[in-house]
Amino acid sequence: MAANAAYAKGGLDPVIIDVAPILGICDVFVVVTATNDRQVKAITDHVQAELADRFGRRPRSIEGTDARRWVLLDYGDVVVHVFQTEERSTYRLERLYVDADRIDWRTPEERTGSASA
C-alpha cells in the first residue's frame, strides 16, 4: 500500500525489500525516489494519509522532514524511505541489502495489463 501511495504522487522506481531475516527490527523497506523536496513532501504526506485512512496506521517516528532529502517513515513492521535522486544513488539501500528478497510490486498499469510493452 505504501508503494502504491508513493507511486500515485509520482514516486519513481518503488522497490519493496524483505529485510526481516536480516534486520529483525522490521519486516519491509519500501524505497522510492522523488525528484525534488516538494515531491518528497507530497509523497510522504500521501503515504501517511493513505495508511491512516485505510488502515488506521500512523508512523511511530518520522525523520528527515526538515531537509526533505531522505525522509523515513517508521511504521514498525514497515519502514518507508523517500529519497531524492542524489541521496538514493549515494546510500543505495538496494545494494546494501542485495541478499534480501524483493517483494513483487507492479504499477497499477502493469497490474491491469494496460502498460505498453
PDB file of N, CA and C in Angstrom:
ATOM      1  N   MET A   1       0.813  -1.192   0.000  1.00  0.00           N
ATOM      2  CA  MET A   1       0.000   0.000   0.000  1.00  0.00           C
ATOM      3  C   MET A   1       0.860   1.262   0.000  1.00  0.00           C
ATOM      4  N   ALA A   2       1.948   1.271   0.753  1.00  0.00           N
ATOM      5  CA  ALA A   2       2.823   2.450   0.790  1.00  0.00           C
ATOM      6  C   ALA A   2       3.434   2.697  -0.579  1.00  0.00           C
ATOM      7  N   ALA A   3       3.829   1.641  -1.276  1.00  0.00           N
ATOM      8  CA  ALA A   3       4.395   1.803  -2.618  1.00  0.00           C
ATOM      9  C   ALA A   3       3.348   2.365  -3.570  1.00  0.00           C
ATOM     10  N   ASN A   4       2.115   1.898  -3.458  1.00  0.00           N
ATOM     11  CA  ASN A   4       1.033   2.423  -4.300  1.00  0.00           C
ATOM     12  C   ASN A   4       0.815   3.906  -4.044  1.00  0.00           C
ATOM     13  N   ALA A   5       0.784   4.287  -2.783  1.00  0.00           N
ATOM     14  CA  ALA A   5       0.566   5.696  -2.428  1.00  0.00           C
ATOM     15  C   ALA A   5       1.709   6.564  -2.936  1.00  0.00           C
ATOM     16  N   ALA A   6       2.935   6.087  -2.803  1.00  0.00           N
ATOM     17  CA  ALA A   6       4.093   6.846  -3.295  1.00  0.00           C
ATOM     18  C   ALA A   6       4.031   6.995  -4.808  1.00  0.00           C
ATOM     19  N   TYR A   7       3.699   5.922  -5.493  1.00  0.00           N
ATOM     20  CA  TYR A   7       3.600   5.951  -6.952  1.00  0.00           C
ATOM     21  C   TYR A   7       2.511   6.925  -7.404  1.00  0.00           C
ATOM     22  N   ALA A   8       1.415   6.972  -6.674  1.00  0.00           N
ATOM     23  CA  ALA A   8       0.305   7.864  -7.026  1.00  0.00           C
ATOM     24  C   ALA A   8       0.718   9.329  -7.010  1.00  0.00           C
ATOM     25  N   LYS A   9       1.737   9.669  -6.237  1.00  0.00           N
ATOM     26  CA  LYS A   9       2.230  11.048  -6.177  1.00  0.00           C
ATOM     27  C   LYS A   9       3.510  11.234  -6.985  1.00  0.00           C
ATOM     28  N   GLY A  10       3.749  10.332  -7.921  1.00  0.00           N
ATOM     29  CA  GLY A  10       4.889  10.492  -8.819  1.00  0.00           C
ATOM     30  C   GLY A  10       6.175   9.867  -8.343  1.00  0.00           C
ATOM     31  N   GLY A  11       6.118   9.055  -7.290  1.00  0.00           N
ATOM     32  CA  GLY A  11       7.317   8.375  -6.814  1.00  0.00           C
ATOM     33  C   GLY A  11       7.882   7.463  -7.891  1.00  0.00           C
ATOM     34  N   LEU A  12       9.187   7.481  -8.034  1.00  0.00           N
ATOM     35  CA  LEU A  12       9.856   6.719  -9.086  1.00  0.00           C
ATOM     36  C   LEU A  12      10.530   5.467  -8.530  1.00  0.00           C
ATOM     37  N   ASP A  13      10.538   4.432  -9.342  1.00  0.00           N
ATOM     38  CA  ASP A  13      11.271   3.193  -9.055  1.00  0.00           C
ATOM     39  C   ASP A  13      11.011   2.625  -7.664  1.00  0.00           C
ATOM     40  N   PRO A  14       9.746   2.413  -7.289  1.00  0.00           N
ATOM     41  CA  PRO A  14       9.493   1.814  -5.974  1.00  0.00           C
ATOM     42  C   PRO A  14      10.064   0.397  -5.898  1.00  0.00           C
ATOM     43  N   VAL A  15      10.703   0.112  -4.783  1.00  0.00           N
ATOM     44  CA  VAL A  15      11.239  -1.220  -4.516  1.00  0.00           C
ATOM     45  C   VAL A  15      10.812  -1.597  -3.109  1.00  0.00           C
ATOM     46  N   ILE A  16      10.363  -2.838  -2.954  1.00  0.00           N
ATOM     47  CA  ILE A  16       9.983  -3.348  -1.638  1.00  0.00           C
ATOM     48  C   ILE A  16      10.958  -4.465  -1.294  1.00  0.00           C
ATOM     49  N   ILE A  17      11.648  -4.304  -0.175  1.00  0.00           N
ATOM     50  CA  ILE A  17      12.710  -5.229   0.223  1.00  0.00           C
ATOM     51  C   ILE A  17      12.303  -5.936   1.516  1.00  0.00           C
ATOM     52  N   ASP A  18      12.352  -7.263   1.499  1.00  0.00           N
ATOM     53  CA  ASP A  18      12.060  -8.071   2.683  1.00  0.00           C
ATOM     54  C   ASP A  18      13.318  -8.131   3.545  1.00  0.00           C
ATOM     55  N   VAL A  19      13.371  -7.291   4.568  1.00  0.00           N
ATOM     56  CA  VAL A  19      14.560  -7.214   5.419  1.00  0.00           C
ATOM     57  C   VAL A  19      14.408  -7.975   6.738  1.00  0.00           C
ATOM     58  N   ALA A  20      13.269  -8.620   6.947  1.00  0.00           N
ATOM     59  CA  ALA A  20      13.013  -9.314   8.217  1.00  0.00           C
ATOM     60  C   ALA A  20      14.106 -10.316   8.584  1.00  0.00           C
ATOM     61  N   PRO A  21      14.543 -11.186   7.670  1.00  0.00           N
ATOM     62  CA  PRO A  21      15.571 -12.154   8.049  1.00  0.00           C
ATOM     63  C   PRO A  21      16.928 -11.522   8.357  1.00  0.00           C
ATOM     64  N   ILE A  22      17.157 -10.322   7.846  1.00  0.00           N
ATOM     65  CA  ILE A  22      18.454  -9.667   8.005  1.00  0.00           C
ATOM     66  C   ILE A  22      18.471  -8.743   9.213  1.00  0.00           C
ATOM     67  N   LEU A  23      17.431  -7.931   9.353  1.00  0.00           N
ATOM     68  CA  LEU A  23      17.426  -6.912  10.405  1.00  0.00           C
ATOM     69  C   LEU A  23      16.749  -7.348  11.695  1.00  0.00           C
ATOM     70  N   GLY A  24      15.607  -7.982  11.576  1.00  0.00           N
ATOM     71  CA  GLY A  24      14.886  -8.392  12.768  1.00  0.00           C
ATOM     72  C   GLY A  24      14.150  -7.273  13.487  1.00  0.00           C
ATOM     73  N   ILE A  25      14.326  -6.029  13.079  1.00  0.00           N
ATOM     74  CA  ILE A  25      13.632  -4.914  13.743  1.00  0.00           C
ATOM     75  C   ILE A  25      12.427  -4.423  12.946  1.00  0.00           C
ATOM     76  N   CYS A  26      12.359  -4.817  11.683  1.00  0.00           N
ATOM     77  CA  CYS A  26      11.192  -4.523  10.860  1.00  0.00           C
ATOM     78  C   CYS A  26      11.122  -5.598   9.782  1.00  0.00           C
ATOM     79  N   ASP A  27      10.017  -5.633   9.073  1.00  0.00           N
ATOM     80  CA  ASP A  27       9.830  -6.660   8.051  1.00  0.00           C
ATOM     81  C   ASP A  27      10.208  -6.195   6.648  1.00  0.00           C
ATOM     82  N   VAL A  28       9.849  -4.953   6.343  1.00  0.00           N
ATOM     83  CA  VAL A  28       9.926  -4.496   4.961  1.00  0.00           C
ATOM     84  C   VAL A  28      10.443  -3.070   4.887  1.00  0.00           C
ATOM     85  N   PHE A  29      11.282  -2.823   3.896  1.00  0.00           N
ATOM     86  CA  PHE A  29      11.635  -1.461   3.489  1.00  0.00           C
ATOM     87  C   PHE A  29      10.893  -1.176   2.186  1.00  0.00           C
ATOM     88  N   VAL A  30      10.269  -0.026   2.111  1.00  0.00           N
ATOM     89  CA  VAL A  30       9.745   0.486   0.850  1.00  0.00           C
ATOM     90  C   VAL A  30      10.647   1.652   0.481  1.00  0.00           C
ATOM     91  N   VAL A  31      11.278   1.577  -0.689  1.00  0.00           N
ATOM     92  CA  VAL A  31      12.230   2.595  -1.128  1.00  0.00           C
ATOM     93  C   VAL A  31      11.686   3.231  -2.402  1.00  0.00           C
ATOM     94  N   VAL A  32      11.658   4.559  -2.430  1.00  0.00           N
ATOM     95  CA  VAL A  32      11.125   5.266  -3.595  1.00  0.00           C
ATOM     96  C   VAL A  32      11.906   6.560  -3.801  1.00  0.00           C
ATOM     97  N   THR A  33      11.938   7.023  -5.043  1.00  0.00           N
ATOM     98  CA  THR A  33      12.654   8.248  -5.387  1.00  0.00           C
ATOM     99  C   THR A  33      11.679   9.377  -5.684  1.00  0.00           C
ATOM    100  N   ALA A  34      12.037  10.570  -5.218  1.00  0.00           N
ATOM    101  CA  ALA A  34      11.330  11.808  -5.555  1.00  0.00           C
ATOM    102  C   ALA A  34      12.327  12.722  -6.254  1.00  0.00           C
ATOM    103  N   THR A  35      11.842  13.572  -7.134  1.00  0.00           N
ATOM    104  CA  THR A  35      12.753  14.397  -7.929  1.00  0.00           C
ATOM    105  C   THR A  35      13.130  15.712  -7.266  1.00  0.00           C
ATOM    106  N   ASN A  36      12.389  16.128  -6.232  1.00  0.00           N
ATOM    107  CA  ASN A  36      12.708  17.382  -5.543  1.00  0.00           C
ATOM    108  C   ASN A  36      12.074  17.377  -4.155  1.00  0.00           C
ATOM    109  N   ASP A  37      12.363  18.409  -3.358  1.00  0.00           N
ATOM    110  CA  ASP A  37      11.879  18.425  -1.973  1.00  0.00           C
ATOM    111  C   ASP A  37      10.362  18.544  -1.883  1.00  0.00           C
ATOM    112  N   ARG A  38       9.737  19.240  -2.814  1.00  0.00           N
ATOM    113  CA  ARG A  38       8.271  19.339  -2.800  1.00  0.00           C
ATOM    114  C   ARG A  38       7.636  17.974  -3.042  1.00  0.00           C
ATOM    115  N   GLN A  39       8.242  17.213  -3.938  1.00  0.00           N
ATOM    116  CA  GLN A  39       7.704  15.890  -4.208  1.00  0.00           C
ATOM    117  C   GLN A  39       7.943  14.945  -3.030  1.00  0.00           C
ATOM    118  N   VAL A  40       9.072  15.078  -2.354  1.00  0.00           N
ATOM    119  CA  VAL A  40       9.302  14.288  -1.138  1.00  0.00           C
ATOM    120  C   VAL A  40       8.162  14.538  -0.159  1.00  0.00           C
ATOM    121  N   LYS A  41       7.822  15.798   0.046  1.00  0.00           N
ATOM    122  CA  LYS A  41       6.730  16.148   0.969  1.00  0.00           C
ATOM    123  C   LYS A  41       5.397  15.591   0.484  1.00  0.00           C
ATOM    124  N   ALA A  42       5.112  15.746  -0.804  1.00  0.00           N
ATOM    125  CA  ALA A  42       3.849  15.243  -1.351  1.00  0.00           C
ATOM    126  C   ALA A  42       3.735  13.732  -1.173  1.00  0.00           C
ATOM    127  N   ILE A  43       4.812  13.023  -1.453  1.00  0.00           N
ATOM    128  CA  ILE A  43       4.801  11.565  -1.316  1.00  0.00           C
ATOM    129  C   ILE A  43       4.624  11.158   0.138  1.00  0.00           C
ATOM    130  N   THR A  44       5.416  11.731   1.030  1.00  0.00           N
ATOM    131  CA  THR A  44       5.325  11.321   2.437  1.00  0.00           C
ATOM    132  C   THR A  44       3.970  11.695   3.031  1.00  0.00           C
ATOM    133  N   ASP A  45       3.445  12.855   2.666  1.00  0.00           N
ATOM    134  CA  ASP A  45       2.109  13.239   3.152  1.00  0.00           C
ATOM    135  C   ASP A  45       1.050  12.258   2.658  1.00  0.00           C
ATOM    136  N   HIS A  46       1.144  11.869   1.389  1.00  0.00           N
ATOM    137  CA  HIS A  46       0.144  10.967   0.810  1.00  0.00           C
ATOM    138  C   HIS A  46       0.258   9.557   1.399  1.00  0.00           C
ATOM    139  N   VAL A  47       1.470   9.075   1.581  1.00  0.00           N
ATOM    140  CA  VAL A  47       1.648   7.756   2.206  1.00  0.00           C
ATOM    141  C   VAL A  47       1.026   7.763   3.598  1.00  0.00           C
ATOM    142  N   GLN A  48       1.309   8.795   4.377  1.00  0.00           N
ATOM    143  CA  GLN A  48       0.746   8.877   5.726  1.00  0.00           C
ATOM    144  C   GLN A  48      -0.778   8.932   5.693  1.00  0.00           C
ATOM    145  N   ALA A  49      -1.335   9.736   4.799  1.00  0.00           N
ATOM    146  CA  ALA A  49      -2.792   9.863   4.708  1.00  0.00           C
ATOM    147  C   ALA A  49      -3.442   8.545   4.295  1.00  0.00           C
ATOM    148  N   GLU A  50      -2.874   7.880   3.300  1.00  0.00           N
ATOM    149  CA  GLU A  50      -3.445   6.617   2.824  1.00  0.00           C
ATOM    150  C   GLU A  50      -3.388   5.530   3.892  1.00  0.00           C
ATOM    151  N   LEU A  51      -2.254   5.393   4.561  1.00  0.00           N
ATOM    152  CA  LEU A  51      -2.143   4.357   5.593  1.00  0.00           C
ATOM    153  C   LEU A  51      -3.032   4.670   6.792  1.00  0.00           C
ATOM    154  N   ALA A  52      -3.208   5.938   7.100  1.00  0.00           N
ATOM    155  CA  ALA A  52      -4.109   6.327   8.191  1.00  0.00           C
ATOM    156  C   ALA A  52      -5.563   6.073   7.799  1.00  0.00           C
ATOM    157  N   ASP A  53      -5.953   6.515   6.607  1.00  0.00           N
ATOM    158  CA  ASP A  53      -7.345   6.370   6.164  1.00  0.00           C
ATOM    159  C   ASP A  53      -7.745   4.918   5.969  1.00  0.00           C
ATOM    160  N   ARG A  54      -6.882   4.143   5.346  1.00  0.00           N
ATOM    161  CA  ARG A  54      -7.245   2.766   5.001  1.00  0.00           C
ATOM    162  C   ARG A  54      -7.015   1.762   6.123  1.00  0.00           C
ATOM    163  N   PHE A  55      -5.995   2.003   6.944  1.00  0.00           N
ATOM    164  CA  PHE A  55      -5.624   1.002   7.942  1.00  0.00           C
ATOM    165  C   PHE A  55      -5.531   1.543   9.360  1.00  0.00           C
ATOM    166  N   GLY A  56      -5.779   2.834   9.541  1.00  0.00           N
ATOM    167  CA  GLY A  56      -5.669   3.431  10.867  1.00  0.00           C
ATOM    168  C   GLY A  56      -4.247   3.446  11.401  1.00  0.00           C
ATOM    169  N   ARG A  57      -3.280   3.426  10.507  1.00  0.00           N
ATOM    170  CA  ARG A  57      -1.873   3.362  10.921  1.00  0.00           C
ATOM    171  C   ARG A  57      -1.236   4.730  10.875  1.00  0.00           C
ATOM    172  N   ARG A  58      -0.439   5.001  11.881  1.00  0.00           N
ATOM    173  CA  ARG A  58       0.334   6.240  11.961  1.00  0.00           C
ATOM    174  C   ARG A  58       1.797   5.855  12.182  1.00  0.00           C
ATOM    175  N   PRO A  59       2.722   6.611  11.616  1.00  0.00           N
ATOM    176  CA  PRO A  59       4.132   6.268  11.824  1.00  0.00           C
ATOM    177  C   PRO A  59       4.537   6.421  13.282  1.00  0.00           C
ATOM    178  N   ARG A  60       5.392   5.510  13.741  1.00  0.00           N
ATOM    179  CA  ARG A  60       5.952   5.613  15.093  1.00  0.00           C
ATOM    180  C   ARG A  60       6.906   6.787  15.176  1.00  0.00           C
ATOM    181  N   SER A  61       7.647   6.986  14.100  1.00  0.00           N
ATOM    182  CA  SER A  61       8.560   8.129  14.038  1.00  0.00           C
ATOM    183  C   SER A  61       8.750   8.534  12.586  1.00  0.00           C
ATOM    184  N   ILE A  62       9.156   9.786  12.431  1.00  0.00           N
ATOM    185  CA  ILE A  62       9.422  10.358  11.111  1.00  0.00           C
ATOM    186  C   ILE A  62      10.742  11.100  11.213  1.00  0.00           C
ATOM    187  N   GLU A  63      11.626  10.849  10.266  1.00  0.00           N
ATOM    188  CA  GLU A  63      12.937  11.504  10.253  1.00  0.00           C
ATOM    189  C   GLU A  63      13.163  12.183   8.909  1.00  0.00           C
ATOM    190  N   GLY A  64      13.867  13.301   8.914  1.00  0.00           N
ATOM    191  CA  GLY A  64      14.316  13.937   7.689  1.00  0.00           C
ATOM    192  C   GLY A  64      13.389  14.964   7.077  1.00  0.00           C
ATOM    193  N   THR A  65      12.343  15.349   7.791  1.00  0.00           N
ATOM    194  CA  THR A  65      11.371  16.268   7.192  1.00  0.00           C
ATOM    195  C   THR A  65      11.889  17.688   7.034  1.00  0.00           C
ATOM    196  N   ASP A  66      12.890  18.073   7.798  1.00  0.00           N
ATOM    197  CA  ASP A  66      13.421  19.435   7.662  1.00  0.00           C
ATOM    198  C   ASP A  66      14.124  19.633   6.323  1.00  0.00           C
ATOM    199  N   ALA A  67      15.034  18.744   5.988  1.00  0.00           N
ATOM    200  CA  ALA A  67      15.801  18.886   4.745  1.00  0.00           C
ATOM    201  C   ALA A  67      15.057  18.309   3.542  1.00  0.00           C
ATOM    202  N   ARG A  68      14.214  17.307   3.788  1.00  0.00           N
ATOM    203  CA  ARG A  68      13.460  16.635   2.726  1.00  0.00           C
ATOM    204  C   ARG A  68      14.346  16.088   1.613  1.00  0.00           C
ATOM    205  N   ARG A  69      15.498  15.568   1.991  1.00  0.00           N
ATOM    206  CA  ARG A  69      16.382  14.896   1.030  1.00  0.00           C
ATOM    207  C   ARG A  69      16.188  13.377   1.131  1.00  0.00           C
ATOM    208  N   TRP A  70      15.966  12.897   2.360  1.00  0.00           N
ATOM    209  CA  TRP A  70      15.684  11.490   2.635  1.00  0.00           C
ATOM    210  C   TRP A  70      14.754  11.487   3.835  1.00  0.00           C
ATOM    211  N   VAL A  71      13.510  11.152   3.607  1.00  0.00           N
ATOM    212  CA  VAL A  71      12.539  11.093   4.696  1.00  0.00           C
ATOM    213  C   VAL A  71      12.234   9.631   4.973  1.00  0.00           C
ATOM    214  N   LEU A  72      12.240   9.296   6.256  1.00  0.00           N
ATOM    215  CA  LEU A  72      11.979   7.944   6.709  1.00  0.00           C
ATOM    216  C   LEU A  72      10.694   7.959   7.526  1.00  0.00           C
ATOM    217  N   LEU A  73       9.740   7.117   7.141  1.00  0.00           N
ATOM    218  CA  LEU A  73       8.502   6.924   7.889  1.00  0.00           C
ATOM    219  C   LEU A  73       8.565   5.536   8.508  1.00  0.00           C
ATOM    220  N   ASP A  74       8.638   5.465   9.826  1.00  0.00           N
ATOM    221  CA  ASP A  74       8.787   4.187  10.529  1.00  0.00           C
ATOM    222  C   ASP A  74       7.440   3.747  11.086  1.00  0.00           C
ATOM    223  N   TYR A  75       6.887   2.699  10.498  1.00  0.00           N
ATOM    224  CA  TYR A  75       5.616   2.130  10.950  1.00  0.00           C
ATOM    225  C   TYR A  75       5.827   0.871  11.794  1.00  0.00           C
ATOM    226  N   GLY A  76       7.037   0.626  12.203  1.00  0.00           N
ATOM    227  CA  GLY A  76       7.332  -0.570  12.983  1.00  0.00           C
ATOM    228  C   GLY A  76       7.694  -1.727  12.078  1.00  0.00           C
ATOM    229  N   ASP A  77       6.701  -2.379  11.500  1.00  0.00           N
ATOM    230  CA  ASP A  77       6.963  -3.501  10.597  1.00  0.00           C
ATOM    231  C   ASP A  77       7.373  -3.048   9.201  1.00  0.00           C
ATOM    232  N   VAL A  78       6.947  -1.858   8.818  1.00  0.00           N
ATOM    233  CA  VAL A  78       7.266  -1.294   7.504  1.00  0.00           C
ATOM    234  C   VAL A  78       7.982   0.038   7.702  1.00  0.00           C
ATOM    235  N   VAL A  79       9.093   0.216   6.998  1.00  0.00           N
ATOM    236  CA  VAL A  79       9.807   1.492   7.019  1.00  0.00           C
ATOM    237  C   VAL A  79       9.851   2.010   5.584  1.00  0.00           C
ATOM    238  N   VAL A  80       9.312   3.203   5.389  1.00  0.00           N
ATOM    239  CA  VAL A  80       9.252   3.822   4.065  1.00  0.00           C
ATOM    240  C   VAL A  80      10.390   4.832   3.964  1.00  0.00           C
ATOM    241  N   HIS A  81      11.205   4.689   2.919  1.00  0.00           N
ATOM    242  CA  HIS A  81      12.318   5.601   2.654  1.00  0.00           C
ATOM    243  C   HIS A  81      11.998   6.368   1.375  1.00  0.00           C
ATOM    244  N   VAL A  82      11.849   7.681   1.477  1.00  0.00           N
ATOM    245  CA  VAL A  82      11.624   8.517   0.297  1.00  0.00           C
ATOM    246  C   VAL A  82      12.877   9.360   0.104  1.00  0.00           C
ATOM    247  N   PHE A  83      13.589   9.067  -0.967  1.00  0.00           N
ATOM    248  CA  PHE A  83      14.860   9.719  -1.266  1.00  0.00           C
ATOM    249  C   PHE A  83      14.706  10.687  -2.426  1.00  0.00           C
ATOM    250  N   GLN A  84      15.464  11.778  -2.398  1.00  0.00           N
ATOM    251  CA  GLN A  84      15.698  12.499  -3.637  1.00  0.00           C
ATOM    252  C   GLN A  84      16.708  11.677  -4.438  1.00  0.00           C
ATOM    253  N   THR A  85      16.774  11.928  -5.725  1.00  0.00           N
ATOM    254  CA  THR A  85      17.583  11.110  -6.634  1.00  0.00           C
ATOM    255  C   THR A  85      19.026  10.960  -6.167  1.00  0.00           C
ATOM    256  N   GLU A  86      19.668  12.053  -5.816  1.00  0.00           N
ATOM    257  CA  GLU A  86      21.081  12.007  -5.419  1.00  0.00           C
ATOM    258  C   GLU A  86      21.290  11.164  -4.165  1.00  0.00           C
ATOM    259  N   GLU A  87      20.399  11.301  -3.195  1.00  0.00           N
ATOM    260  CA  GLU A  87      20.543  10.541  -1.949  1.00  0.00           C
ATOM    261  C   GLU A  87      20.325   9.050  -2.185  1.00  0.00           C
ATOM    262  N   ARG A  88      19.361   8.714  -3.038  1.00  0.00           N
ATOM    263  CA  ARG A  88      19.146   7.289  -3.308  1.00  0.00           C
ATOM    264  C   ARG A  88      20.379   6.686  -3.968  1.00  0.00           C
ATOM    265  N   SER A  89      20.997   7.438  -4.866  1.00  0.00           N
ATOM    266  CA  SER A  89      22.226   6.964  -5.515  1.00  0.00           C
ATOM    267  C   SER A  89      23.379   6.855  -4.526  1.00  0.00           C
ATOM    268  N   THR A  90      23.440   7.776  -3.583  1.00  0.00           N
ATOM    269  CA  THR A  90      24.520   7.777  -2.596  1.00  0.00           C
ATOM    270  C   THR A  90      24.386   6.623  -1.608  1.00  0.00           C
ATOM    271  N   TYR A  91      23.201   6.450  -1.024  1.00  0.00           N
ATOM    272  CA  TYR A  91      23.023   5.460   0.047  1.00  0.00           C
ATOM    273  C   TYR A  91      22.722   4.060  -0.470  1.00  0.00           C
ATOM    274  N   ARG A  92      22.148   3.939  -1.638  1.00  0.00           N
ATOM    275  CA  ARG A  92      21.934   2.672  -2.330  1.00  0.00           C
ATOM    276  C   ARG A  92      21.480   1.532  -1.415  1.00  0.00           C
ATOM    277  N   LEU A  93      20.352   1.705  -0.776  1.00  0.00           N
ATOM    278  CA  LEU A  93      19.844   0.666   0.121  1.00  0.00           C
ATOM    279  C   LEU A  93      19.656  -0.666  -0.595  1.00  0.00           C
ATOM    280  N   GLU A  94      19.260  -0.613  -1.857  1.00  0.00           N
ATOM    281  CA  GLU A  94      19.085  -1.864  -2.600  1.00  0.00           C
ATOM    282  C   GLU A  94      20.391  -2.645  -2.687  1.00  0.00           C
ATOM    283  N   ARG A  95      21.498  -1.957  -2.823  1.00  0.00           N
ATOM    284  CA  ARG A  95      22.806  -2.631  -2.875  1.00  0.00           C
ATOM    285  C   ARG A  95      23.231  -3.098  -1.488  1.00  0.00           C
ATOM    286  N   LEU A  96      22.910  -2.316  -0.470  1.00  0.00           N
ATOM    287  CA  LEU A  96      23.251  -2.693   0.896  1.00  0.00           C
ATOM    288  C   LEU A  96      22.544  -3.990   1.293  1.00  0.00           C
ATOM    289  N   TYR A  97      21.310  -4.146   0.821  1.00  0.00           N
ATOM    290  CA  TYR A  97      20.518  -5.337   1.133  1.00  0.00           C
ATOM    291  C   TYR A  97      20.340  -6.201  -0.115  1.00  0.00           C
ATOM    292  N   VAL A  98      21.405  -6.376  -0.857  1.00  0.00           N
ATOM    293  CA  VAL A  98      21.361  -7.111  -2.118  1.00  0.00           C
ATOM    294  C   VAL A  98      20.931  -8.564  -1.914  1.00  0.00           C
ATOM    295  N   ASP A  99      21.219  -9.144  -0.751  1.00  0.00           N
ATOM    296  CA  ASP A  99      20.853 -10.533  -0.489  1.00  0.00           C
ATOM    297  C   ASP A  99      19.414 -10.693  -0.015  1.00  0.00           C
ATOM    298  N   ALA A 100      18.743  -9.605   0.275  1.00  0.00           N
ATOM    299  CA  ALA A 100      17.353  -9.668   0.732  1.00  0.00           C
ATOM    300  C   ALA A 100      16.424  -9.887  -0.460  1.00  0.00           C
ATOM    301  N   ASP A 101      15.350 -10.618  -0.209  1.00  0.00           N
ATOM    302  CA  ASP A 101      14.356 -10.839  -1.259  1.00  0.00           C
ATOM    303  C   ASP A 101      13.618  -9.550  -1.575  1.00  0.00           C
ATOM    304  N   ARG A 102      13.225  -9.423  -2.827  1.00  0.00           N
ATOM    305  CA  ARG A 102      12.383  -8.313  -3.264  1.00  0.00           C
ATOM    306  C   ARG A 102      10.945  -8.810  -3.300  1.00  0.00           C
ATOM    307  N   ILE A 103      10.044  -7.994  -2.840  1.00  0.00           N
ATOM    308  CA  ILE A 103       8.625  -8.318  -2.895  1.00  0.00           C
ATOM    309  C   ILE A 103       8.085  -7.727  -4.187  1.00  0.00           C
ATOM    310  N   ASP A 104       7.406  -8.560  -4.945  1.00  0.00           N
ATOM    311  CA  ASP A 104       6.899  -8.132  -6.247  1.00  0.00           C
ATOM    312  C   ASP A 104       5.928  -6.967  -6.088  1.00  0.00           C
ATOM    313  N   TRP A 105       6.198  -5.907  -6.803  1.00  0.00           N
ATOM    314  CA  TRP A 105       5.300  -4.755  -6.861  1.00  0.00           C
ATOM    315  C   TRP A 105       5.226  -4.306  -8.303  1.00  0.00           C
ATOM    316  N   ARG A 106       4.022  -4.026  -8.743  1.00  0.00           N
ATOM    317  CA  ARG A 106       3.824  -3.563 -10.114  1.00  0.00           C
ATOM    318  C   ARG A 106       2.981  -2.305 -10.107  1.00  0.00           C
ATOM    319  N   THR A 107       3.204  -1.490 -11.123  1.00  0.00           N
ATOM    320  CA  THR A 107       2.390  -0.281 -11.258  1.00  0.00           C
ATOM    321  C   THR A 107       0.942  -0.691 -11.498  1.00  0.00           C
ATOM    322  N   PRO A 108       0.006   0.195 -11.195  1.00  0.00           N
ATOM    323  CA  PRO A 108      -1.399  -0.123 -11.493  1.00  0.00           C
ATOM    324  C   PRO A 108      -1.607  -0.474 -12.970  1.00  0.00           C
ATOM    325  N   GLU A 109      -0.881   0.194 -13.853  1.00  0.00           N
ATOM    326  CA  GLU A 109      -1.000  -0.097 -15.282  1.00  0.00           C
ATOM    327  C   GLU A 109      -0.520  -1.514 -15.603  1.00  0.00           C
ATOM    328  N   GLU A 110       0.572  -1.931 -14.974  1.00  0.00           N
ATOM    329  CA  GLU A 110       1.083  -3.286 -15.194  1.00  0.00           C
ATOM    330  C   GLU A 110       0.114  -4.330 -14.648  1.00  0.00           C
ATOM    331  N   ARG A 111      -0.518  -4.022 -13.517  1.00  0.00           N
ATOM    332  CA  ARG A 111      -1.455  -4.974 -12.913  1.00  0.00           C
ATOM    333  C   ARG A 111      -2.710  -5.159 -13.746  1.00  0.00           C
ATOM    334  N   THR A 112      -3.140  -4.105 -14.440  1.00  0.00           N
ATOM    335  CA  THR A 112      -4.353  -4.212 -15.254  1.00  0.00           C
ATOM    336  C   THR A 112      -4.051  -4.618 -16.684  1.00  0.00           C
ATOM    337  N   GLY A 113      -2.770  -4.741 -17.013  1.00  0.00           N
ATOM    338  CA  GLY A 113      -2.377  -5.154 -18.346  1.00  0.00           C
ATOM    339  C   GLY A 113      -2.417  -4.051 -19.374  1.00  0.00           C
ATOM    340  N   SER A 114      -2.551  -2.794 -18.916  1.00  0.00           N
ATOM    341  CA  SER A 114      -2.638  -1.692 -19.875  1.00  0.00           C
ATOM    342  C   SER A 114      -1.297  -1.010 -20.111  1.00  0.00           C
ATOM    343  N   ALA A 115      -0.234  -1.521 -19.501  1.00  0.00           N
ATOM    344  CA  ALA A 115       1.094  -0.934 -19.735  1.00  0.00           C
ATOM    345  C   ALA A 115       1.575  -1.340 -21.117  1.00  0.00           C
ATOM    346  N   SER A 116       2.272  -0.437 -21.769  1.00  0.00           N
ATOM    347  CA  SER A 116       2.798  -0.764 -23.094  1.00  0.00           C
ATOM    348  C   SER A 116       4.016  -1.664 -22.957  1.00  0.00           C
ATOM    349  N   ALA A 117       4.197  -2.518 -23.923  1.00  0.00           N
ATOM    350  CA  ALA A 117       5.313  -3.471 -23.876  1.00  0.00           C
ATOM    351  C   ALA A 117       6.608  -2.833 -24.288  1.00  0.00           C
TER     352      ALA A 117
END
